[in-house]
N, C-alpha and C. Protein backbone atom coordinates (compact mmCIF):
# COMPACT_ATOMS: atom_id res chain seq x y z
N MET A 1 128.70 65.91 -22.51
CA MET A 1 127.54 66.77 -22.42
C MET A 1 126.40 65.97 -21.81
N LYS A 2 126.05 66.43 -20.67
CA LYS A 2 124.96 65.79 -19.95
C LYS A 2 124.14 66.88 -19.27
N ARG A 3 122.94 66.52 -18.93
CA ARG A 3 122.08 67.47 -18.23
C ARG A 3 122.55 67.63 -16.77
N THR A 4 122.25 68.78 -16.21
CA THR A 4 122.59 69.04 -14.83
C THR A 4 121.93 67.99 -13.94
N GLY A 5 122.69 67.51 -12.97
CA GLY A 5 122.25 66.41 -12.12
C GLY A 5 122.92 65.12 -12.53
N ARG A 6 123.44 65.07 -13.77
CA ARG A 6 124.13 63.88 -14.27
C ARG A 6 125.60 64.18 -14.55
N LEU A 7 126.01 65.42 -14.27
CA LEU A 7 127.39 65.82 -14.54
C LEU A 7 128.32 65.40 -13.40
N ARG A 8 129.54 65.06 -13.75
CA ARG A 8 130.56 64.82 -12.74
C ARG A 8 131.13 66.16 -12.30
N ASP A 9 131.54 66.25 -11.06
CA ASP A 9 132.10 67.50 -10.53
C ASP A 9 133.30 67.96 -11.34
N ASP A 10 134.19 67.02 -11.71
CA ASP A 10 135.38 67.41 -12.46
C ASP A 10 135.04 67.91 -13.86
N THR A 11 133.94 67.43 -14.42
CA THR A 11 133.50 67.91 -15.73
C THR A 11 133.02 69.35 -15.64
N ILE A 12 132.30 69.66 -14.58
CA ILE A 12 131.82 71.04 -14.35
C ILE A 12 133.03 71.97 -14.18
N THR A 13 133.96 71.55 -13.34
CA THR A 13 135.15 72.37 -13.09
C THR A 13 135.94 72.59 -14.38
N LEU A 14 136.13 71.56 -15.16
CA LEU A 14 136.88 71.67 -16.41
C LEU A 14 136.19 72.63 -17.38
N SER A 15 134.87 72.53 -17.49
CA SER A 15 134.13 73.40 -18.40
C SER A 15 134.32 74.86 -18.03
N TYR A 16 134.19 75.17 -16.76
CA TYR A 16 134.38 76.56 -16.32
C TYR A 16 135.83 76.99 -16.43
N ASN A 17 136.77 76.10 -16.14
CA ASN A 17 138.18 76.45 -16.26
C ASN A 17 138.56 76.80 -17.70
N VAL A 18 138.11 75.99 -18.64
CA VAL A 18 138.45 76.22 -20.04
C VAL A 18 137.72 77.43 -20.61
N ASN A 19 136.44 77.55 -20.31
CA ASN A 19 135.60 78.55 -20.99
C ASN A 19 135.45 79.88 -20.27
N LEU A 20 135.81 79.95 -18.99
CA LEU A 20 135.66 81.20 -18.25
C LEU A 20 136.89 81.54 -17.41
N THR A 21 137.30 80.65 -16.55
CA THR A 21 138.39 80.98 -15.63
C THR A 21 139.69 81.29 -16.38
N SER A 22 140.07 80.46 -17.32
CA SER A 22 141.32 80.71 -18.06
C SER A 22 141.30 82.02 -18.82
N PRO A 23 140.24 82.33 -19.59
CA PRO A 23 140.23 83.64 -20.26
C PRO A 23 140.29 84.82 -19.28
N CYS A 24 139.64 84.69 -18.12
CA CYS A 24 139.69 85.76 -17.12
C CYS A 24 141.11 85.93 -16.57
N LEU A 25 141.76 84.82 -16.27
CA LEU A 25 143.14 84.88 -15.76
C LEU A 25 144.07 85.48 -16.81
N LEU A 26 143.94 85.03 -18.04
CA LEU A 26 144.80 85.54 -19.12
C LEU A 26 144.57 87.03 -19.36
N THR A 27 143.31 87.45 -19.34
CA THR A 27 142.99 88.87 -19.52
C THR A 27 143.58 89.70 -18.40
N ASN A 28 143.42 89.24 -17.18
CA ASN A 28 143.97 89.95 -16.03
C ASN A 28 145.49 90.10 -16.16
N ARG A 29 146.15 89.02 -16.49
CA ARG A 29 147.61 89.04 -16.61
C ARG A 29 148.04 89.93 -17.78
N PHE A 30 147.34 89.86 -18.89
CA PHE A 30 147.67 90.67 -20.07
C PHE A 30 147.55 92.16 -19.74
N ILE A 31 146.45 92.54 -19.10
CA ILE A 31 146.26 93.96 -18.76
C ILE A 31 147.32 94.41 -17.77
N ASN A 32 147.61 93.57 -16.78
CA ASN A 32 148.64 93.92 -15.80
C ASN A 32 150.02 94.04 -16.44
N THR A 33 150.35 93.13 -17.32
CA THR A 33 151.69 93.08 -17.91
C THR A 33 151.94 94.23 -18.89
N TYR A 34 150.93 94.58 -19.69
CA TYR A 34 151.15 95.54 -20.78
C TYR A 34 150.55 96.91 -20.52
N SER A 35 150.20 97.20 -19.29
CA SER A 35 149.55 98.49 -19.00
C SER A 35 150.42 99.68 -19.34
N GLY A 36 151.73 99.55 -19.32
CA GLY A 36 152.61 100.65 -19.66
C GLY A 36 152.99 100.73 -21.12
N SER A 37 152.53 99.77 -21.91
CA SER A 37 152.90 99.71 -23.32
C SER A 37 152.06 100.68 -24.16
N GLU A 38 152.71 101.28 -25.14
CA GLU A 38 152.01 102.16 -26.08
C GLU A 38 151.42 101.39 -27.25
N ALA A 39 151.71 100.11 -27.35
CA ALA A 39 151.21 99.28 -28.45
C ALA A 39 149.69 99.18 -28.39
N GLU A 40 149.08 98.91 -29.54
CA GLU A 40 147.65 98.64 -29.56
C GLU A 40 147.42 97.32 -28.82
N LYS A 41 146.44 97.30 -27.94
CA LYS A 41 146.19 96.14 -27.09
C LYS A 41 144.76 95.67 -27.30
N ILE A 42 144.62 94.48 -27.86
CA ILE A 42 143.30 93.92 -28.18
C ILE A 42 143.19 92.54 -27.55
N ILE A 43 142.07 92.32 -26.88
CA ILE A 43 141.76 91.02 -26.29
C ILE A 43 140.57 90.48 -27.04
N LEU A 44 140.69 89.27 -27.55
CA LEU A 44 139.62 88.64 -28.30
C LEU A 44 139.26 87.32 -27.61
N ASN A 45 138.11 87.29 -26.99
CA ASN A 45 137.62 86.07 -26.36
C ASN A 45 136.70 85.34 -27.32
N VAL A 46 136.75 84.02 -27.28
CA VAL A 46 135.88 83.19 -28.12
C VAL A 46 134.61 82.88 -27.33
N SER A 47 133.54 83.51 -27.74
CA SER A 47 132.25 83.35 -27.08
C SER A 47 131.45 82.24 -27.76
N SER A 48 130.16 82.28 -27.58
CA SER A 48 129.28 81.30 -28.21
C SER A 48 127.85 81.81 -28.12
N GLY A 49 127.05 81.48 -29.11
CA GLY A 49 125.62 81.76 -29.03
C GLY A 49 125.00 81.09 -27.81
N ALA A 50 125.66 80.02 -27.34
CA ALA A 50 125.18 79.32 -26.15
C ALA A 50 125.31 80.19 -24.90
N GLY A 51 126.05 81.26 -24.98
CA GLY A 51 126.14 82.20 -23.87
C GLY A 51 124.95 83.14 -23.81
N ARG A 52 124.18 83.17 -24.90
CA ARG A 52 123.01 84.05 -24.97
C ARG A 52 121.70 83.27 -24.98
N HIS A 53 121.77 82.01 -25.34
CA HIS A 53 120.57 81.18 -25.48
C HIS A 53 120.81 79.83 -24.83
N PRO A 54 119.93 79.40 -23.95
CA PRO A 54 120.13 78.10 -23.30
C PRO A 54 120.05 76.95 -24.30
N VAL A 55 120.94 75.97 -24.08
CA VAL A 55 120.98 74.77 -24.92
C VAL A 55 120.92 73.57 -24.00
N ASP A 56 119.97 72.71 -24.25
CA ASP A 56 119.78 71.48 -23.48
C ASP A 56 121.10 70.71 -23.35
N ALA A 57 121.44 70.31 -22.13
CA ALA A 57 122.61 69.50 -21.81
C ALA A 57 123.92 70.28 -21.87
N TRP A 58 123.83 71.60 -22.02
CA TRP A 58 125.04 72.43 -22.08
C TRP A 58 125.05 73.46 -20.96
N SER A 59 124.48 73.16 -19.81
CA SER A 59 124.31 74.18 -18.77
C SER A 59 125.62 74.84 -18.37
N CYS A 60 126.66 74.08 -18.17
CA CYS A 60 127.94 74.66 -17.75
C CYS A 60 128.58 75.45 -18.89
N TYR A 61 128.52 74.92 -20.09
CA TYR A 61 129.08 75.64 -21.25
C TYR A 61 128.33 76.95 -21.45
N CYS A 62 127.01 76.90 -21.42
CA CYS A 62 126.21 78.12 -21.57
C CYS A 62 126.53 79.12 -20.46
N GLY A 63 126.59 78.64 -19.23
CA GLY A 63 126.88 79.51 -18.10
C GLY A 63 128.25 80.14 -18.21
N ALA A 64 129.24 79.36 -18.60
CA ALA A 64 130.60 79.87 -18.72
C ALA A 64 130.69 80.91 -19.83
N LYS A 65 130.07 80.65 -20.98
CA LYS A 65 130.13 81.61 -22.09
C LYS A 65 129.35 82.88 -21.77
N ALA A 66 128.23 82.75 -21.05
CA ALA A 66 127.50 83.95 -20.61
C ALA A 66 128.37 84.76 -19.65
N GLY A 67 129.07 84.07 -18.77
CA GLY A 67 129.99 84.73 -17.86
C GLY A 67 131.12 85.42 -18.60
N LEU A 68 131.64 84.78 -19.63
CA LEU A 68 132.71 85.37 -20.43
C LEU A 68 132.24 86.64 -21.12
N ASP A 69 131.02 86.62 -21.63
CA ASP A 69 130.47 87.81 -22.29
C ASP A 69 130.34 88.97 -21.31
N LEU A 70 129.80 88.71 -20.13
CA LEU A 70 129.63 89.79 -19.15
C LEU A 70 130.98 90.25 -18.61
N PHE A 71 131.89 89.34 -18.40
CA PHE A 71 133.26 89.69 -18.00
C PHE A 71 133.86 90.65 -19.03
N SER A 72 133.72 90.31 -20.31
CA SER A 72 134.29 91.14 -21.39
C SER A 72 133.65 92.52 -21.41
N LYS A 73 132.33 92.58 -21.24
CA LYS A 73 131.65 93.88 -21.18
C LYS A 73 132.13 94.70 -19.98
N THR A 74 132.35 94.03 -18.87
CA THR A 74 132.80 94.73 -17.67
C THR A 74 134.23 95.25 -17.84
N VAL A 75 135.10 94.47 -18.45
CA VAL A 75 136.46 94.94 -18.72
C VAL A 75 136.42 96.14 -19.66
N ALA A 76 135.55 96.09 -20.68
CA ALA A 76 135.41 97.23 -21.59
C ALA A 76 134.95 98.48 -20.83
N LEU A 77 134.01 98.31 -19.92
CA LEU A 77 133.55 99.42 -19.10
C LEU A 77 134.70 99.98 -18.26
N GLU A 78 135.45 99.10 -17.62
CA GLU A 78 136.58 99.54 -16.81
C GLU A 78 137.59 100.32 -17.66
N GLN A 79 137.84 99.83 -18.86
CA GLN A 79 138.79 100.51 -19.75
C GLN A 79 138.28 101.89 -20.15
N SER A 80 136.97 102.02 -20.35
CA SER A 80 136.41 103.33 -20.70
C SER A 80 136.51 104.30 -19.53
N ILE A 81 136.41 103.80 -18.32
CA ILE A 81 136.50 104.64 -17.12
C ILE A 81 137.95 105.05 -16.85
N THR A 82 138.85 104.08 -16.99
CA THR A 82 140.25 104.35 -16.63
C THR A 82 141.09 104.88 -17.78
N GLY A 83 140.57 104.79 -19.01
CA GLY A 83 141.37 105.19 -20.17
C GLY A 83 142.53 104.24 -20.40
N GLY A 84 142.35 102.99 -20.02
CA GLY A 84 143.42 102.00 -20.11
C GLY A 84 143.89 101.68 -21.51
N GLY A 85 143.04 101.90 -22.48
CA GLY A 85 143.46 101.70 -23.87
C GLY A 85 143.34 100.30 -24.41
N TYR A 86 142.81 99.38 -23.63
CA TYR A 86 142.62 98.01 -24.13
C TYR A 86 141.27 97.92 -24.81
N LYS A 87 141.23 97.19 -25.94
CA LYS A 87 139.96 96.86 -26.58
C LYS A 87 139.71 95.38 -26.27
N ILE A 88 138.47 95.06 -26.01
CA ILE A 88 138.13 93.67 -25.72
C ILE A 88 136.86 93.31 -26.47
N PHE A 89 136.87 92.11 -27.03
CA PHE A 89 135.73 91.58 -27.75
C PHE A 89 135.47 90.16 -27.28
N SER A 90 134.21 89.77 -27.29
CA SER A 90 133.80 88.40 -27.01
C SER A 90 132.93 87.98 -28.18
N ILE A 91 133.50 87.16 -29.06
CA ILE A 91 132.89 86.92 -30.36
C ILE A 91 132.55 85.45 -30.54
N GLY A 92 131.28 85.19 -30.82
CA GLY A 92 130.83 83.83 -31.10
C GLY A 92 131.09 83.48 -32.56
N PRO A 93 131.73 82.36 -32.81
CA PRO A 93 132.04 81.99 -34.19
C PRO A 93 130.86 81.40 -34.95
N GLY A 94 129.81 81.03 -34.27
CA GLY A 94 128.71 80.34 -34.94
C GLY A 94 128.94 78.83 -34.87
N VAL A 95 128.25 78.11 -35.70
CA VAL A 95 128.36 76.65 -35.71
C VAL A 95 129.49 76.26 -36.66
N VAL A 96 130.59 75.78 -36.08
CA VAL A 96 131.83 75.55 -36.83
C VAL A 96 132.12 74.05 -36.91
N ASP A 97 132.69 73.62 -38.00
CA ASP A 97 133.01 72.22 -38.23
C ASP A 97 134.25 71.84 -37.41
N THR A 98 134.02 71.46 -36.16
CA THR A 98 135.10 71.12 -35.23
C THR A 98 134.89 69.73 -34.65
N GLU A 99 135.86 69.29 -33.86
CA GLU A 99 135.72 68.00 -33.17
C GLU A 99 134.56 68.03 -32.19
N MET A 100 134.29 69.20 -31.61
CA MET A 100 133.15 69.33 -30.70
C MET A 100 131.86 68.96 -31.43
N GLN A 101 131.74 69.40 -32.67
CA GLN A 101 130.56 69.06 -33.47
C GLN A 101 130.48 67.55 -33.71
N ASP A 102 131.62 66.92 -33.96
CA ASP A 102 131.64 65.46 -34.13
C ASP A 102 131.10 64.77 -32.89
N GLU A 103 131.53 65.23 -31.73
CA GLU A 103 131.08 64.63 -30.47
C GLU A 103 129.58 64.87 -30.25
N ILE A 104 129.11 66.05 -30.57
CA ILE A 104 127.69 66.37 -30.40
C ILE A 104 126.83 65.43 -31.25
N ARG A 105 127.25 65.19 -32.48
CA ARG A 105 126.46 64.35 -33.39
C ARG A 105 126.42 62.88 -32.95
N LYS A 106 127.33 62.48 -32.08
CA LYS A 106 127.36 61.10 -31.58
C LYS A 106 126.45 60.88 -30.37
N LEU A 107 125.93 61.96 -29.81
CA LEU A 107 125.10 61.84 -28.61
C LEU A 107 123.76 61.19 -28.92
N ASP A 108 123.23 60.52 -27.93
CA ASP A 108 121.91 59.93 -28.02
C ASP A 108 120.86 61.04 -27.81
N LYS A 109 119.75 60.94 -28.51
CA LYS A 109 118.71 61.96 -28.39
C LYS A 109 118.18 62.07 -26.95
N SER A 110 118.28 60.99 -26.20
CA SER A 110 117.83 61.03 -24.81
C SER A 110 118.77 61.89 -23.95
N GLU A 111 120.01 62.08 -24.42
CA GLU A 111 120.99 62.90 -23.71
C GLU A 111 120.99 64.35 -24.19
N PHE A 112 120.64 64.55 -25.47
CA PHE A 112 120.69 65.89 -26.07
C PHE A 112 119.54 65.99 -27.07
N SER A 113 118.53 66.77 -26.71
CA SER A 113 117.29 66.82 -27.50
C SER A 113 117.48 67.37 -28.91
N ARG A 114 118.55 68.11 -29.14
CA ARG A 114 118.74 68.76 -30.45
C ARG A 114 119.75 68.03 -31.35
N VAL A 115 120.07 66.79 -31.04
CA VAL A 115 121.09 66.08 -31.79
C VAL A 115 120.75 66.02 -33.29
N ASP A 116 119.49 65.80 -33.64
CA ASP A 116 119.11 65.72 -35.06
C ASP A 116 119.37 67.05 -35.78
N GLU A 117 119.13 68.15 -35.09
CA GLU A 117 119.41 69.47 -35.66
C GLU A 117 120.90 69.61 -35.99
N PHE A 118 121.76 69.14 -35.08
CA PHE A 118 123.20 69.26 -35.29
C PHE A 118 123.69 68.29 -36.36
N ILE A 119 123.07 67.13 -36.47
CA ILE A 119 123.38 66.21 -37.57
C ILE A 119 123.01 66.88 -38.89
N GLY A 120 121.87 67.57 -38.90
CA GLY A 120 121.43 68.28 -40.10
C GLY A 120 122.38 69.38 -40.53
N TYR A 121 122.98 70.08 -39.57
CA TYR A 121 123.96 71.11 -39.92
C TYR A 121 125.08 70.52 -40.78
N LYS A 122 125.56 69.34 -40.40
CA LYS A 122 126.64 68.68 -41.15
C LYS A 122 126.13 68.20 -42.50
N GLU A 123 125.00 67.53 -42.49
CA GLU A 123 124.46 66.97 -43.73
C GLU A 123 124.13 68.04 -44.76
N LYS A 124 123.69 69.21 -44.30
CA LYS A 124 123.31 70.29 -45.21
C LYS A 124 124.45 71.27 -45.49
N GLY A 125 125.64 70.95 -45.01
CA GLY A 125 126.79 71.82 -45.26
C GLY A 125 126.68 73.18 -44.57
N GLN A 126 126.05 73.22 -43.40
CA GLN A 126 125.82 74.49 -42.69
C GLN A 126 126.86 74.79 -41.62
N LEU A 127 127.91 73.99 -41.56
CA LEU A 127 128.97 74.24 -40.58
C LEU A 127 130.03 75.12 -41.21
N ALA A 128 130.44 76.14 -40.48
CA ALA A 128 131.46 77.06 -40.99
C ALA A 128 132.83 76.39 -40.97
N ASP A 129 133.66 76.75 -41.94
CA ASP A 129 135.03 76.26 -42.03
C ASP A 129 135.88 76.97 -40.97
N PRO A 130 136.60 76.21 -40.13
CA PRO A 130 137.41 76.84 -39.09
C PRO A 130 138.41 77.88 -39.62
N LYS A 131 138.97 77.65 -40.81
CA LYS A 131 139.92 78.62 -41.37
C LYS A 131 139.22 79.93 -41.69
N TRP A 132 138.01 79.85 -42.22
CA TRP A 132 137.26 81.08 -42.52
C TRP A 132 136.99 81.84 -41.22
N ILE A 133 136.62 81.14 -40.17
CA ILE A 133 136.36 81.78 -38.88
C ILE A 133 137.64 82.46 -38.38
N ALA A 134 138.78 81.77 -38.48
CA ALA A 134 140.05 82.36 -38.06
C ALA A 134 140.35 83.63 -38.86
N ASP A 135 140.10 83.59 -40.17
CA ASP A 135 140.30 84.77 -41.01
C ASP A 135 139.39 85.92 -40.58
N GLU A 136 138.17 85.60 -40.18
CA GLU A 136 137.23 86.63 -39.71
C GLU A 136 137.74 87.26 -38.41
N TYR A 137 138.27 86.43 -37.51
CA TYR A 137 138.83 86.97 -36.27
C TYR A 137 139.99 87.91 -36.56
N ILE A 138 140.84 87.54 -37.50
CA ILE A 138 141.97 88.40 -37.88
C ILE A 138 141.46 89.71 -38.47
N GLU A 139 140.44 89.64 -39.31
CA GLU A 139 139.86 90.85 -39.90
C GLU A 139 139.28 91.77 -38.80
N ILE A 140 138.64 91.17 -37.82
CA ILE A 140 138.09 91.95 -36.71
C ILE A 140 139.21 92.67 -35.97
N ILE A 141 140.30 91.98 -35.71
CA ILE A 141 141.45 92.61 -35.05
C ILE A 141 141.97 93.76 -35.91
N ASP A 142 142.07 93.52 -37.21
CA ASP A 142 142.58 94.55 -38.12
C ASP A 142 141.66 95.77 -38.21
N HIS A 143 140.38 95.59 -37.94
CA HIS A 143 139.40 96.69 -38.03
C HIS A 143 138.77 97.00 -36.68
N SER A 144 139.50 96.73 -35.61
CA SER A 144 138.93 96.87 -34.27
C SER A 144 138.47 98.29 -33.95
N ASN A 145 139.08 99.28 -34.55
CA ASN A 145 138.68 100.67 -34.29
C ASN A 145 137.29 100.99 -34.84
N ASP A 146 136.83 100.20 -35.79
CA ASP A 146 135.52 100.43 -36.41
C ASP A 146 134.39 99.74 -35.65
N ILE A 147 134.71 98.95 -34.65
CA ILE A 147 133.72 98.12 -33.96
C ILE A 147 133.44 98.70 -32.58
N LYS A 148 132.19 98.98 -32.33
CA LYS A 148 131.79 99.56 -31.03
C LYS A 148 131.25 98.51 -30.06
N GLU A 149 130.75 97.41 -30.57
CA GLU A 149 130.18 96.36 -29.72
C GLU A 149 131.29 95.56 -29.06
N VAL A 150 131.00 94.98 -27.91
CA VAL A 150 131.94 94.11 -27.23
C VAL A 150 131.58 92.65 -27.50
N VAL A 151 130.31 92.32 -27.41
CA VAL A 151 129.84 90.95 -27.59
C VAL A 151 129.03 90.87 -28.88
N PHE A 152 129.45 89.99 -29.77
CA PHE A 152 128.73 89.79 -31.02
C PHE A 152 129.18 88.47 -31.65
N SER A 153 128.51 88.08 -32.71
CA SER A 153 128.85 86.85 -33.42
C SER A 153 129.49 87.20 -34.76
N ILE A 154 130.09 86.22 -35.37
CA ILE A 154 130.65 86.42 -36.72
C ILE A 154 129.52 86.81 -37.68
N ASN A 155 128.35 86.19 -37.56
CA ASN A 155 127.23 86.56 -38.43
C ASN A 155 126.83 88.02 -38.22
N GLU A 156 126.80 88.47 -36.97
CA GLU A 156 126.49 89.87 -36.70
C GLU A 156 127.58 90.79 -37.25
N TYR A 157 128.82 90.35 -37.20
CA TYR A 157 129.92 91.13 -37.77
C TYR A 157 129.74 91.27 -39.28
N GLU A 158 129.37 90.19 -39.93
CA GLU A 158 129.14 90.25 -41.38
C GLU A 158 128.06 91.28 -41.71
N LYS A 159 127.01 91.33 -40.90
CA LYS A 159 125.94 92.32 -41.11
C LYS A 159 126.45 93.73 -40.84
N MET A 160 127.30 93.89 -39.81
CA MET A 160 127.89 95.22 -39.52
C MET A 160 128.67 95.72 -40.73
N LYS A 161 129.43 94.81 -41.35
CA LYS A 161 130.24 95.19 -42.51
C LYS A 161 129.36 95.66 -43.67
N GLN A 162 128.21 95.06 -43.78
CA GLN A 162 127.31 95.40 -44.87
C GLN A 162 126.43 96.61 -44.54
N GLY A 163 126.59 97.11 -43.32
CA GLY A 163 125.83 98.28 -42.90
C GLY A 163 124.37 98.01 -42.60
N LYS A 164 124.06 96.77 -42.28
CA LYS A 164 122.66 96.40 -41.98
C LYS A 164 122.37 96.53 -40.52
């Protein structure tokens, strides 16, 4: 994670490949392959709050996740026009206790202005458990007919469930 101007070209390419290009390719192939199937077809992309809010030193990650969100909304629009029957969601898990978080906390403040904030998430027990997030994704799939939004976060989903 570095600021724009200090990134290597291959790092930029990798970020977009992992966070945008691969999900787009997989979605395209999935829709093409299963278009004749009567089965329920749900696409769940892993988004990020960074796709909605800029984060210092995460320009490519933010850009890719914003692209993924708009891609998902566009696929949903296409499905509503064509009656294709696919449901698609782009869901941000929130701040999760992952290896990515470990790497973020190791950064120097000169490289990432919010490093202390991310250290605080760990120290204060504010990182979500990856298993709980996975369970939430499964619940969303199980209740996909009740969800009208395409792009949302796990926190927003929790509020939807509570009717807020």
